[in-house]
Amino acid sequence: MNIALTQIIAAIVMVGLAGALVIGYRAYLNRNSERRMLSMIDALGLDPEIVSNAELGTVMGEARQRCKGCTAEDVCERWLRGDEEGDIAFCPNARVFEILDRISSAAD
C-alpha cells in the first residue's frame, strides 16, 4: 500500500476518534449535570415531578442549561455528599429552586 494512502487513512481515523471522544465527553458532562440537578432537587425536598412538569418546561430547560454551564461542580458534588455545609449560594439555580420551593409549599 502507498505510504501517502496509509497516512490519509490514519488521519481520517484520528479525526474520527477525536470527534467520538468529544461527543462522548459532552454526553458524560450532560449526564453528570442532569444527575446533580436531580440530586439537588431531591436534597432540597422538592417534588421530582417538577422536572417533567409541562407548565415549567421553559424554566426547567433554562435551569438545565445553567447547570450544564456551572463552574461550581466540585462544590456542588461536595454539598450533595454532605461534605460541604451551608446554603446553596454557589448554585446558579439557587434562586430558581427557592421559587419552586415557595410555589410547591403554597400549593400544599
PDB file of N, CA and C in Angstrom:
ATOM      1  N   MET A   1       0.845  -1.173   0.000  1.00  0.00           N
ATOM      2  CA  MET A   1       0.000   0.000   0.000  1.00  0.00           C
ATOM      3  C   MET A   1       0.890   1.237   0.000  1.00  0.00           C
ATOM      4  N   ASN A   2       0.460   2.240  -0.676  1.00  0.00           N
ATOM      5  CA  ASN A   2       1.173   3.506  -0.794  1.00  0.00           C
ATOM      6  C   ASN A   2       1.228   4.190   0.578  1.00  0.00           C
ATOM      7  N   ILE A   3       2.379   4.763   0.936  1.00  0.00           N
ATOM      8  CA  ILE A   3       2.543   5.416   2.234  1.00  0.00           C
ATOM      9  C   ILE A   3       1.620   6.631   2.388  1.00  0.00           C
ATOM     10  N   ALA A   4       1.401   7.354   1.309  1.00  0.00           N
ATOM     11  CA  ALA A   4       0.513   8.521   1.370  1.00  0.00           C
ATOM     12  C   ALA A   4      -0.916   8.079   1.680  1.00  0.00           C
ATOM     13  N   LEU A   5      -1.356   7.006   1.076  1.00  0.00           N
ATOM     14  CA  LEU A   5      -2.699   6.485   1.326  1.00  0.00           C
ATOM     15  C   LEU A   5      -2.832   6.021   2.771  1.00  0.00           C
ATOM     16  N   THR A   6      -1.800   5.373   3.287  1.00  0.00           N
ATOM     17  CA  THR A   6      -1.790   4.926   4.681  1.00  0.00           C
ATOM     18  C   THR A   6      -1.896   6.113   5.622  1.00  0.00           C
ATOM     19  N   GLN A   7      -1.166   7.180   5.318  1.00  0.00           N
ATOM     20  CA  GLN A   7      -1.209   8.372   6.158  1.00  0.00           C
ATOM     21  C   GLN A   7      -2.579   9.043   6.101  1.00  0.00           C
ATOM     22  N   ILE A   8      -3.197   9.074   4.940  1.00  0.00           N
ATOM     23  CA  ILE A   8      -4.536   9.666   4.807  1.00  0.00           C
ATOM     24  C   ILE A   8      -5.544   8.859   5.619  1.00  0.00           C
ATOM     25  N   ILE A   9      -5.476   7.545   5.506  1.00  0.00           N
ATOM     26  CA  ILE A   9      -6.390   6.688   6.277  1.00  0.00           C
ATOM     27  C   ILE A   9      -6.170   6.885   7.775  1.00  0.00           C
ATOM     28  N   ALA A  10      -4.907   6.951   8.205  1.00  0.00           N
ATOM     29  CA  ALA A  10      -4.595   7.168   9.624  1.00  0.00           C
ATOM     30  C   ALA A  10      -5.134   8.512  10.093  1.00  0.00           C
ATOM     31  N   ALA A  11      -5.011   9.548   9.279  1.00  0.00           N
ATOM     32  CA  ALA A  11      -5.510  10.878   9.638  1.00  0.00           C
ATOM     33  C   ALA A  11      -7.035  10.863   9.769  1.00  0.00           C
ATOM     34  N   ILE A  12      -7.703  10.192   8.842  1.00  0.00           N
ATOM     35  CA  ILE A  12      -9.169  10.108   8.905  1.00  0.00           C
ATOM     36  C   ILE A  12      -9.605   9.369  10.170  1.00  0.00           C
ATOM     37  N   VAL A  13      -8.922   8.289  10.492  1.00  0.00           N
ATOM     38  CA  VAL A  13      -9.242   7.528  11.703  1.00  0.00           C
ATOM     39  C   VAL A  13      -9.028   8.393  12.944  1.00  0.00           C
ATOM     40  N   MET A  14      -7.922   9.144  12.974  1.00  0.00           N
ATOM     41  CA  MET A  14      -7.643  10.004  14.133  1.00  0.00           C
ATOM     42  C   MET A  14      -8.686  11.103  14.289  1.00  0.00           C
ATOM     43  N   VAL A  15      -9.080  11.725  13.194  1.00  0.00           N
ATOM     44  CA  VAL A  15     -10.108  12.771  13.253  1.00  0.00           C
ATOM     45  C   VAL A  15     -11.425  12.170  13.746  1.00  0.00           C
ATOM     46  N   GLY A  16     -11.767  10.991  13.225  1.00  0.00           N
ATOM     47  CA  GLY A  16     -12.989  10.314  13.672  1.00  0.00           C
ATOM     48  C   GLY A  16     -12.940   9.979  15.147  1.00  0.00           C
ATOM     49  N   LEU A  17     -11.802   9.480  15.606  1.00  0.00           N
ATOM     50  CA  LEU A  17     -11.634   9.154  17.011  1.00  0.00           C
ATOM     51  C   LEU A  17     -11.724  10.405  17.882  1.00  0.00           C
ATOM     52  N   ALA A  18     -11.092  11.490  17.453  1.00  0.00           N
ATOM     53  CA  ALA A  18     -11.158  12.748  18.210  1.00  0.00           C
ATOM     54  C   ALA A  18     -12.600  13.234  18.301  1.00  0.00           C
ATOM     55  N   GLY A  19     -13.328  13.146  17.208  1.00  0.00           N
ATOM     56  CA  GLY A  19     -14.734  13.551  17.211  1.00  0.00           C
ATOM     57  C   GLY A  19     -15.563  12.695  18.156  1.00  0.00           C
ATOM     58  N   ALA A  20     -15.329  11.394  18.134  1.00  0.00           N
ATOM     59  CA  ALA A  20     -16.057  10.480  19.024  1.00  0.00           C
ATOM     60  C   ALA A  20     -15.742  10.781  20.487  1.00  0.00           C
ATOM     61  N   LEU A  21     -14.481  11.094  20.783  1.00  0.00           N
ATOM     62  CA  LEU A  21     -14.109  11.442  22.159  1.00  0.00           C
ATOM     63  C   LEU A  21     -14.791  12.725  22.628  1.00  0.00           C
ATOM     64  N   VAL A  22     -14.846  13.722  21.767  1.00  0.00           N
ATOM     65  CA  VAL A  22     -15.509  14.987  22.119  1.00  0.00           C
ATOM     66  C   VAL A  22     -16.994  14.749  22.372  1.00  0.00           C
ATOM     67  N   ILE A  23     -17.637  14.011  21.487  1.00  0.00           N
ATOM     68  CA  ILE A  23     -19.064  13.719  21.654  1.00  0.00           C
ATOM     69  C   ILE A  23     -19.307  12.921  22.936  1.00  0.00           C
ATOM     70  N   GLY A  24     -18.474  11.925  23.188  1.00  0.00           N
ATOM     71  CA  GLY A  24     -18.603  11.126  24.406  1.00  0.00           C
ATOM     72  C   GLY A  24     -18.397  11.952  25.663  1.00  0.00           C
ATOM     73  N   TYR A  25     -17.422  12.849  25.638  1.00  0.00           N
ATOM     74  CA  TYR A  25     -17.152  13.692  26.805  1.00  0.00           C
ATOM     75  C   TYR A  25     -18.310  14.648  27.073  1.00  0.00           C
ATOM     76  N   ARG A  26     -18.868  15.229  26.026  1.00  0.00           N
ATOM     77  CA  ARG A  26     -20.017  16.132  26.194  1.00  0.00           C
ATOM     78  C   ARG A  26     -21.219  15.373  26.744  1.00  0.00           C
ATOM     79  N   ALA A  27     -21.435  14.154  26.281  1.00  0.00           N
ATOM     80  CA  ALA A  27     -22.535  13.329  26.805  1.00  0.00           C
ATOM     81  C   ALA A  27     -22.308  13.022  28.284  1.00  0.00           C
ATOM     82  N   TYR A  28     -21.063  12.738  28.653  1.00  0.00           N
ATOM     83  CA  TYR A  28     -20.709  12.480  30.048  1.00  0.00           C
ATOM     84  C   TYR A  28     -21.010  13.712  30.913  1.00  0.00           C
ATOM     85  N   LEU A  29     -20.607  14.891  30.449  1.00  0.00           N
ATOM     86  CA  LEU A  29     -20.874  16.119  31.196  1.00  0.00           C
ATOM     87  C   LEU A  29     -22.371  16.362  31.345  1.00  0.00           C
ATOM     88  N   ASN A  30     -23.135  16.129  30.276  1.00  0.00           N
ATOM     89  CA  ASN A  30     -24.584  16.325  30.327  1.00  0.00           C
ATOM     90  C   ASN A  30     -25.233  15.382  31.329  1.00  0.00           C
ATOM     91  N   ARG A  31     -24.818  14.110  31.321  1.00  0.00           N
ATOM     92  CA  ARG A  31     -25.390  13.153  32.280  1.00  0.00           C
ATOM     93  C   ARG A  31     -25.069  13.556  33.709  1.00  0.00           C
ATOM     94  N   ASN A  32     -23.847  14.005  33.949  1.00  0.00           N
ATOM     95  CA  ASN A  32     -23.467  14.406  35.301  1.00  0.00           C
ATOM     96  C   ASN A  32     -24.216  15.653  35.756  1.00  0.00           C
ATOM     97  N   SER A  33     -24.404  16.624  34.874  1.00  0.00           N
ATOM     98  CA  SER A  33     -25.132  17.821  35.293  1.00  0.00           C
ATOM     99  C   SER A  33     -26.597  17.483  35.556  1.00  0.00           C
ATOM    100  N   GLU A  34     -27.174  16.595  34.756  1.00  0.00           N
ATOM    101  CA  GLU A  34     -28.563  16.167  34.985  1.00  0.00           C
ATOM    102  C   GLU A  34     -28.675  15.434  36.323  1.00  0.00           C
ATOM    103  N   ARG A  35     -27.695  14.568  36.613  1.00  0.00           N
ATOM    104  CA  ARG A  35     -27.690  13.842  37.889  1.00  0.00           C
ATOM    105  C   ARG A  35     -27.575  14.803  39.063  1.00  0.00           C
ATOM    106  N   ARG A  36     -26.682  15.792  38.944  1.00  0.00           N
ATOM    107  CA  ARG A  36     -26.524  16.762  40.026  1.00  0.00           C
ATOM    108  C   ARG A  36     -27.800  17.570  40.229  1.00  0.00           C
ATOM    109  N   MET A  37     -28.431  17.990  39.128  1.00  0.00           N
ATOM    110  CA  MET A  37     -29.644  18.794  39.258  1.00  0.00           C
ATOM    111  C   MET A  37     -30.758  17.978  39.925  1.00  0.00           C
ATOM    112  N   LEU A  38     -30.931  16.730  39.516  1.00  0.00           N
ATOM    113  CA  LEU A  38     -31.952  15.887  40.135  1.00  0.00           C
ATOM    114  C   LEU A  38     -31.624  15.606  41.600  1.00  0.00           C
ATOM    115  N   SER A  39     -30.351  15.408  41.901  1.00  0.00           N
ATOM    116  CA  SER A  39     -29.934  15.199  43.291  1.00  0.00           C
ATOM    117  C   SER A  39     -30.182  16.442  44.131  1.00  0.00           C
ATOM    118  N   MET A  40     -29.938  17.612  43.546  1.00  0.00           N
ATOM    119  CA  MET A  40     -30.172  18.873  44.256  1.00  0.00           C
ATOM    120  C   MET A  40     -31.664  19.039  44.538  1.00  0.00           C
ATOM    121  N   ILE A  41     -32.499  18.744  43.554  1.00  0.00           N
ATOM    122  CA  ILE A  41     -33.952  18.841  43.739  1.00  0.00           C
ATOM    123  C   ILE A  41     -34.389  17.917  44.866  1.00  0.00           C
ATOM    124  N   ASP A  42     -33.850  16.705  44.878  1.00  0.00           N
ATOM    125  CA  ASP A  42     -34.179  15.739  45.928  1.00  0.00           C
ATOM    126  C   ASP A  42     -33.675  16.216  47.286  1.00  0.00           C
ATOM    127  N   ALA A  43     -32.433  16.690  47.341  1.00  0.00           N
ATOM    128  CA  ALA A  43     -31.838  17.135  48.607  1.00  0.00           C
ATOM    129  C   ALA A  43     -32.590  18.331  49.199  1.00  0.00           C
ATOM    130  N   LEU A  44     -33.152  19.157  48.328  1.00  0.00           N
ATOM    131  CA  LEU A  44     -33.895  20.324  48.803  1.00  0.00           C
ATOM    132  C   LEU A  44     -35.340  19.989  49.150  1.00  0.00           C
ATOM    133  N   GLY A  45     -35.735  18.753  48.923  1.00  0.00           N
ATOM    134  CA  GLY A  45     -37.085  18.325  49.261  1.00  0.00           C
ATOM    135  C   GLY A  45     -38.147  18.751  48.261  1.00  0.00           C
ATOM    136  N   LEU A  46     -37.705  19.111  47.063  1.00  0.00           N
ATOM    137  CA  LEU A  46     -38.661  19.489  46.024  1.00  0.00           C
ATOM    138  C   LEU A  46     -39.227  18.231  45.373  1.00  0.00           C
ATOM    139  N   ASP A  47     -40.404  18.356  44.814  1.00  0.00           N
ATOM    140  CA  ASP A  47     -41.051  17.238  44.134  1.00  0.00           C
ATOM    141  C   ASP A  47     -40.284  16.930  42.849  1.00  0.00           C
ATOM    142  N   PRO A  48     -39.792  15.710  42.678  1.00  0.00           N
ATOM    143  CA  PRO A  48     -39.039  15.369  41.460  1.00  0.00           C
ATOM    144  C   PRO A  48     -39.877  15.490  40.184  1.00  0.00           C
ATOM    145  N   GLU A  49     -41.186  15.465  40.317  1.00  0.00           N
ATOM    146  CA  GLU A  49     -42.068  15.605  39.153  1.00  0.00           C
ATOM    147  C   GLU A  49     -41.951  16.999  38.541  1.00  0.00           C
ATOM    148  N   ILE A  50     -41.382  17.917  39.292  1.00  0.00           N
ATOM    149  CA  ILE A  50     -41.232  19.294  38.828  1.00  0.00           C
ATOM    150  C   ILE A  50     -40.394  19.343  37.548  1.00  0.00           C
ATOM    151  N   VAL A  51     -39.477  18.388  37.407  1.00  0.00           N
ATOM    152  CA  VAL A  51     -38.583  18.358  36.255  1.00  0.00           C
ATOM    153  C   VAL A  51     -39.358  18.119  34.970  1.00  0.00           C
ATOM    154  N   SER A  52     -40.394  17.298  35.040  1.00  0.00           N
ATOM    155  CA  SER A  52     -41.152  16.971  33.833  1.00  0.00           C
ATOM    156  C   SER A  52     -42.477  17.723  33.735  1.00  0.00           C
ATOM    157  N   ASN A  53     -42.695  18.678  34.613  1.00  0.00           N
ATOM    158  CA  ASN A  53     -43.929  19.464  34.605  1.00  0.00           C
ATOM    159  C   ASN A  53     -43.969  20.333  33.346  1.00  0.00           C
ATOM    160  N   ALA A  54     -45.002  20.135  32.533  1.00  0.00           N
ATOM    161  CA  ALA A  54     -45.120  20.853  31.260  1.00  0.00           C
ATOM    162  C   ALA A  54     -45.221  22.366  31.463  1.00  0.00           C
ATOM    163  N   GLU A  55     -45.858  22.790  32.536  1.00  0.00           N
ATOM    164  CA  GLU A  55     -46.016  24.222  32.800  1.00  0.00           C
ATOM    165  C   GLU A  55     -44.687  24.894  33.133  1.00  0.00           C
ATOM    166  N   LEU A  56     -43.742  24.108  33.605  1.00  0.00           N
ATOM    167  CA  LEU A  56     -42.436  24.653  33.986  1.00  0.00           C
ATOM    168  C   LEU A  56     -41.349  24.269  32.990  1.00  0.00           C
ATOM    169  N   GLY A  57     -41.746  23.837  31.808  1.00  0.00           N
ATOM    170  CA  GLY A  57     -40.787  23.364  30.811  1.00  0.00           C
ATOM    171  C   GLY A  57     -39.692  24.354  30.489  1.00  0.00           C
ATOM    172  N   THR A  58     -40.064  25.600  30.253  1.00  0.00           N
ATOM    173  CA  THR A  58     -39.072  26.625  29.913  1.00  0.00           C
ATOM    174  C   THR A  58     -38.153  26.907  31.095  1.00  0.00           C
ATOM    175  N   VAL A  59     -38.735  27.010  32.278  1.00  0.00           N
ATOM    176  CA  VAL A  59     -37.947  27.286  33.485  1.00  0.00           C
ATOM    177  C   VAL A  59     -36.944  26.163  33.724  1.00  0.00           C
ATOM    178  N   MET A  60     -37.408  24.918  33.624  1.00  0.00           N
ATOM    179  CA  MET A  60     -36.520  23.795  33.873  1.00  0.00           C
ATOM    180  C   MET A  60     -35.484  23.645  32.755  1.00  0.00           C
ATOM    181  N   GLY A  61     -35.849  23.986  31.537  1.00  0.00           N
ATOM    182  CA  GLY A  61     -34.882  23.963  30.441  1.00  0.00           C
ATOM    183  C   GLY A  61     -33.758  24.949  30.674  1.00  0.00           C
ATOM    184  N   GLU A  62     -34.123  26.146  31.133  1.00  0.00           N
ATOM    185  CA  GLU A  62     -33.100  27.151  31.449  1.00  0.00           C
ATOM    186  C   GLU A  62     -32.257  26.711  32.645  1.00  0.00           C
ATOM    187  N   ALA A  63     -32.899  26.075  33.626  1.00  0.00           N
ATOM    188  CA  ALA A  63     -32.156  25.573  34.793  1.00  0.00           C
ATOM    189  C   ALA A  63     -31.153  24.504  34.358  1.00  0.00           C
ATOM    190  N   ARG A  64     -31.565  23.632  33.445  1.00  0.00           N
ATOM    191  CA  ARG A  64     -30.644  22.603  32.933  1.00  0.00           C
ATOM    192  C   ARG A  64     -29.440  23.252  32.249  1.00  0.00           C
ATOM    193  N   GLN A  65     -29.700  24.279  31.447  1.00  0.00           N
ATOM    194  CA  GLN A  65     -28.604  24.966  30.745  1.00  0.00           C
ATOM    195  C   GLN A  65     -27.643  25.611  31.737  1.00  0.00           C
ATOM    196  N   ARG A  66     -28.192  26.251  32.780  1.00  0.00           N
ATOM    197  CA  ARG A  66     -27.314  26.850  33.790  1.00  0.00           C
ATOM    198  C   ARG A  66     -26.497  25.777  34.496  1.00  0.00           C
ATOM    199  N   CYS A  67     -27.128  24.648  34.771  1.00  0.00           N
ATOM    200  CA  CYS A  67     -26.423  23.554  35.443  1.00  0.00           C
ATOM    201  C   CYS A  67     -25.298  23.012  34.553  1.00  0.00           C
ATOM    202  N   LYS A  68     -25.559  22.878  33.275  1.00  0.00           N
ATOM    203  CA  LYS A  68     -24.544  22.374  32.346  1.00  0.00           C
ATOM    204  C   LYS A  68     -23.342  23.311  32.263  1.00  0.00           C
ATOM    205  N   GLY A  69     -23.588  24.621  32.417  1.00  0.00           N
ATOM    206  CA  GLY A  69     -22.510  25.593  32.325  1.00  0.00           C
ATOM    207  C   GLY A  69     -21.921  25.980  33.667  1.00  0.00           C
ATOM    208  N   CYS A  70     -22.312  25.285  34.714  1.00  0.00           N
ATOM    209  CA  CYS A  70     -21.891  25.634  36.070  1.00  0.00           C
ATOM    210  C   CYS A  70     -20.384  25.462  36.255  1.00  0.00           C
ATOM    211  N   THR A  71     -19.798  26.394  36.984  1.00  0.00           N
ATOM    212  CA  THR A  71     -18.368  26.312  37.289  1.00  0.00           C
ATOM    213  C   THR A  71     -18.124  25.856  38.723  1.00  0.00           C
ATOM    214  N   ALA A  72     -19.201  25.543  39.455  1.00  0.00           N
ATOM    215  CA  ALA A  72     -19.066  25.115  40.853  1.00  0.00           C
ATOM    216  C   ALA A  72     -19.398  23.635  41.015  1.00  0.00           C
ATOM    217  N   GLU A  73     -19.082  22.838  40.000  1.00  0.00           N
ATOM    218  CA  GLU A  73     -19.420  21.415  40.051  1.00  0.00           C
ATOM    219  C   GLU A  73     -18.811  20.723  41.265  1.00  0.00           C
ATOM    220  N   ASP A  74     -17.554  21.052  41.578  1.00  0.00           N
ATOM    221  CA  ASP A  74     -16.892  20.396  42.704  1.00  0.00           C
ATOM    222  C   ASP A  74     -17.565  20.743  44.022  1.00  0.00           C
ATOM    223  N   VAL A  75     -17.956  22.003  44.204  1.00  0.00           N
ATOM    224  CA  VAL A  75     -18.650  22.418  45.428  1.00  0.00           C
ATOM    225  C   VAL A  75     -20.009  21.724  45.505  1.00  0.00           C
ATOM    226  N   CYS A  76     -20.681  21.658  44.378  1.00  0.00           N
ATOM    227  CA  CYS A  76     -21.991  21.001  44.309  1.00  0.00           C
ATOM    228  C   CYS A  76     -21.870  19.533  44.712  1.00  0.00           C
ATOM    229  N   GLU A  77     -20.896  18.843  44.147  1.00  0.00           N
ATOM    230  CA  GLU A  77     -20.705  17.426  44.481  1.00  0.00           C
ATOM    231  C   GLU A  77     -20.440  17.251  45.974  1.00  0.00           C
ATOM    232  N   ARG A  78     -19.586  18.113  46.544  1.00  0.00           N
ATOM    233  CA  ARG A  78     -19.296  18.008  47.985  1.00  0.00           C
ATOM    234  C   ARG A  78     -20.536  18.298  48.810  1.00  0.00           C
ATOM    235  N   TRP A  79     -21.334  19.312  48.407  1.00  0.00           N
ATOM    236  CA  TRP A  79     -22.556  19.657  49.135  1.00  0.00           C
ATOM    237  C   TRP A  79     -23.543  18.496  49.077  1.00  0.00           C
ATOM    238  N   LEU A  80     -23.690  17.903  47.919  1.00  0.00           N
ATOM    239  CA  LEU A  80     -24.625  16.787  47.768  1.00  0.00           C
ATOM    240  C   LEU A  80     -24.192  15.563  48.586  1.00  0.00           C
ATOM    241  N   ARG A  81     -22.883  15.354  48.719  1.00  0.00           N
ATOM    242  CA  ARG A  81     -22.374  14.238  49.535  1.00  0.00           C
ATOM    243  C   ARG A  81     -22.469  14.543  51.025  1.00  0.00           C
ATOM    244  N   GLY A  82     -22.648  15.816  51.386  1.00  0.00           N
ATOM    245  CA  GLY A  82     -22.695  16.210  52.788  1.00  0.00           C
ATOM    246  C   GLY A  82     -21.344  16.647  53.319  1.00  0.00           C
ATOM    247  N   ASP A  83     -20.356  16.761  52.438  1.00  0.00           N
ATOM    248  CA  ASP A  83     -19.015  17.185  52.849  1.00  0.00           C
ATOM    249  C   ASP A  83     -18.917  18.701  52.956  1.00  0.00           C
ATOM    250  N   GLU A  84     -19.869  19.402  52.405  1.00  0.00           N
ATOM    251  CA  GLU A  84     -19.896  20.872  52.401  1.00  0.00           C
ATOM    252  C   GLU A  84     -21.193  21.289  53.084  1.00  0.00           C
ATOM    253  N   GLU A  85     -21.087  22.244  53.997  1.00  0.00           N
ATOM    254  CA  GLU A  85     -22.282  22.691  54.711  1.00  0.00           C
ATOM    255  C   GLU A  85     -22.685  24.080  54.262  1.00  0.00           C
ATOM    256  N   GLY A  86     -23.864  24.479  54.655  1.00  0.00           N
ATOM    257  CA  GLY A  86     -24.339  25.814  54.339  1.00  0.00           C
ATOM    258  C   GLY A  86     -25.403  25.795  53.269  1.00  0.00           C
ATOM    259  N   ASP A  87     -25.734  26.998  52.818  1.00  0.00           N
ATOM    260  CA  ASP A  87     -26.780  27.112  51.802  1.00  0.00           C
ATOM    261  C   ASP A  87     -26.209  26.807  50.422  1.00  0.00           C
ATOM    262  N   ILE A  88     -27.049  26.951  49.414  1.00  0.00           N
ATOM    263  CA  ILE A  88     -26.609  26.628  48.055  1.00  0.00           C
ATOM    264  C   ILE A  88     -26.349  27.891  47.236  1.00  0.00           C
ATOM    265  N   ALA A  89     -25.792  28.897  47.874  1.00  0.00           N
ATOM    266  CA  ALA A  89     -25.489  30.148  47.178  1.00  0.00           C
ATOM    267  C   ALA A  89     -24.536  29.924  46.003  1.00  0.00           C
ATOM    268  N   PHE A  90     -23.756  28.853  46.041  1.00  0.00           N
ATOM    269  CA  PHE A  90     -22.825  28.530  44.954  1.00  0.00           C
ATOM    270  C   PHE A  90     -23.560  28.108  43.679  1.00  0.00           C
ATOM    271  N   CYS A  91     -24.808  27.696  43.820  1.00  0.00           N
ATOM    272  CA  CYS A  91     -25.563  27.124  42.705  1.00  0.00           C
ATOM    273  C   CYS A  91     -26.185  28.219  41.841  1.00  0.00           C
ATOM    274  N   PRO A  92     -25.969  28.173  40.521  1.00  0.00           N
ATOM    275  CA  PRO A  92     -26.577  29.177  39.651  1.00  0.00           C
ATOM    276  C   PRO A  92     -28.103  29.058  39.598  1.00  0.00           C
ATOM    277  N   ASN A  93     -28.652  27.947  40.086  1.00  0.00           N
ATOM    278  CA  ASN A  93     -30.096  27.752  40.116  1.00  0.00           C
ATOM    279  C   ASN A  93     -30.688  27.934  41.505  1.00  0.00           C
ATOM    280  N   ALA A  94     -29.911  28.467  42.439  1.00  0.00           N
ATOM    281  CA  ALA A  94     -30.388  28.614  43.815  1.00  0.00           C
ATOM    282  C   ALA A  94     -31.697  29.399  43.868  1.00  0.00           C
ATOM    283  N   ARG A  95     -31.777  30.491  43.158  1.00  0.00           N
ATOM    284  CA  ARG A  95     -32.990  31.323  43.161  1.00  0.00           C
ATOM    285  C   ARG A  95     -34.168  30.567  42.557  1.00  0.00           C
ATOM    286  N   VAL A  96     -33.937  29.829  41.489  1.00  0.00           N
ATOM    287  CA  VAL A  96     -34.997  29.036  40.847  1.00  0.00           C
ATOM    288  C   VAL A  96     -35.529  28.003  41.832  1.00  0.00           C
ATOM    289  N   PHE A  97     -34.624  27.291  42.505  1.00  0.00           N
ATOM    290  CA  PHE A  97     -35.045  26.277  43.471  1.00  0.00           C
ATOM    291  C   PHE A  97     -35.818  26.911  44.629  1.00  0.00           C
ATOM    292  N   GLU A  98     -35.396  28.095  45.055  1.00  0.00           N
ATOM    293  CA  GLU A  98     -36.094  28.799  46.131  1.00  0.00           C
ATOM    294  C   GLU A  98     -37.530  29.132  45.711  1.00  0.00           C
ATOM    295  N   ILE A  99     -37.688  29.639  44.505  1.00  0.00           N
ATOM    296  CA  ILE A  99     -39.020  29.987  43.998  1.00  0.00           C
ATOM    297  C   ILE A  99     -39.875  28.733  43.830  1.00  0.00           C
ATOM    298  N   LEU A 100     -39.297  27.676  43.291  1.00  0.00           N
ATOM    299  CA  LEU A 100     -40.036  26.422  43.125  1.00  0.00           C
ATOM    300  C   LEU A 100     -40.467  25.863  44.474  1.00  0.00           C
ATOM    301  N   ASP A 101     -39.632  26.022  45.480  1.00  0.00           N
ATOM    302  CA  ASP A 101     -39.991  25.574  46.829  1.00  0.00           C
ATOM    303  C   ASP A 101     -41.171  26.373  47.352  1.00  0.00           C
ATOM    304  N   ARG A 102     -41.152  27.686  47.146  1.00  0.00           N
ATOM    305  CA  ARG A 102     -42.278  28.526  47.593  1.00  0.00           C
ATOM    306  C   ARG A 102     -43.568  28.160  46.858  1.00  0.00           C
ATOM    307  N   ILE A 103     -43.471  27.909  45.562  1.00  0.00           N
ATOM    308  CA  ILE A 103     -44.644  27.556  44.770  1.00  0.00           C
ATOM    309  C   ILE A 103     -45.220  26.218  45.252  1.00  0.00           C
ATOM    310  N   SER A 104     -44.339  25.244  45.462  1.00  0.00           N
ATOM    311  CA  SER A 104     -44.830  23.933  45.889  1.00  0.00           C
ATOM    312  C   SER A 104     -45.359  23.984  47.315  1.00  0.00           C
ATOM    313  N   SER A 105     -44.795  24.815  48.170  1.00  0.00           N
ATOM    314  CA  SER A 105     -45.292  24.959  49.531  1.00  0.00           C
ATOM    315  C   SER A 105     -46.658  25.616  49.542  1.00  0.00           C
ATOM    316  N   ALA A 106     -46.840  26.593  48.674  1.00  0.00           N
ATOM    317  CA  ALA A 106     -48.124  27.294  48.600  1.00  0.00           C
ATOM    318  C   ALA A 106     -49.217  26.375  48.044  1.00  0.00           C
ATOM    319  N   ALA A 107     -48.839  25.430  47.181  1.00  0.00           N
ATOM    320  CA  ALA A 107     -49.811  24.525  46.576  1.00  0.00           C
ATOM    321  C   ALA A 107     -50.276  23.450  47.572  1.00  0.00           C
ATOM    322  N   ASP A 108     -49.467  23.187  48.599  1.00  0.00           N
ATOM    323  CA  ASP A 108     -49.815  22.144  49.586  1.00  0.00           C
ATOM    324  C   ASP A 108     -50.889  22.571  50.502  1.00  0.00           C
TER     325      ASP A 108
END
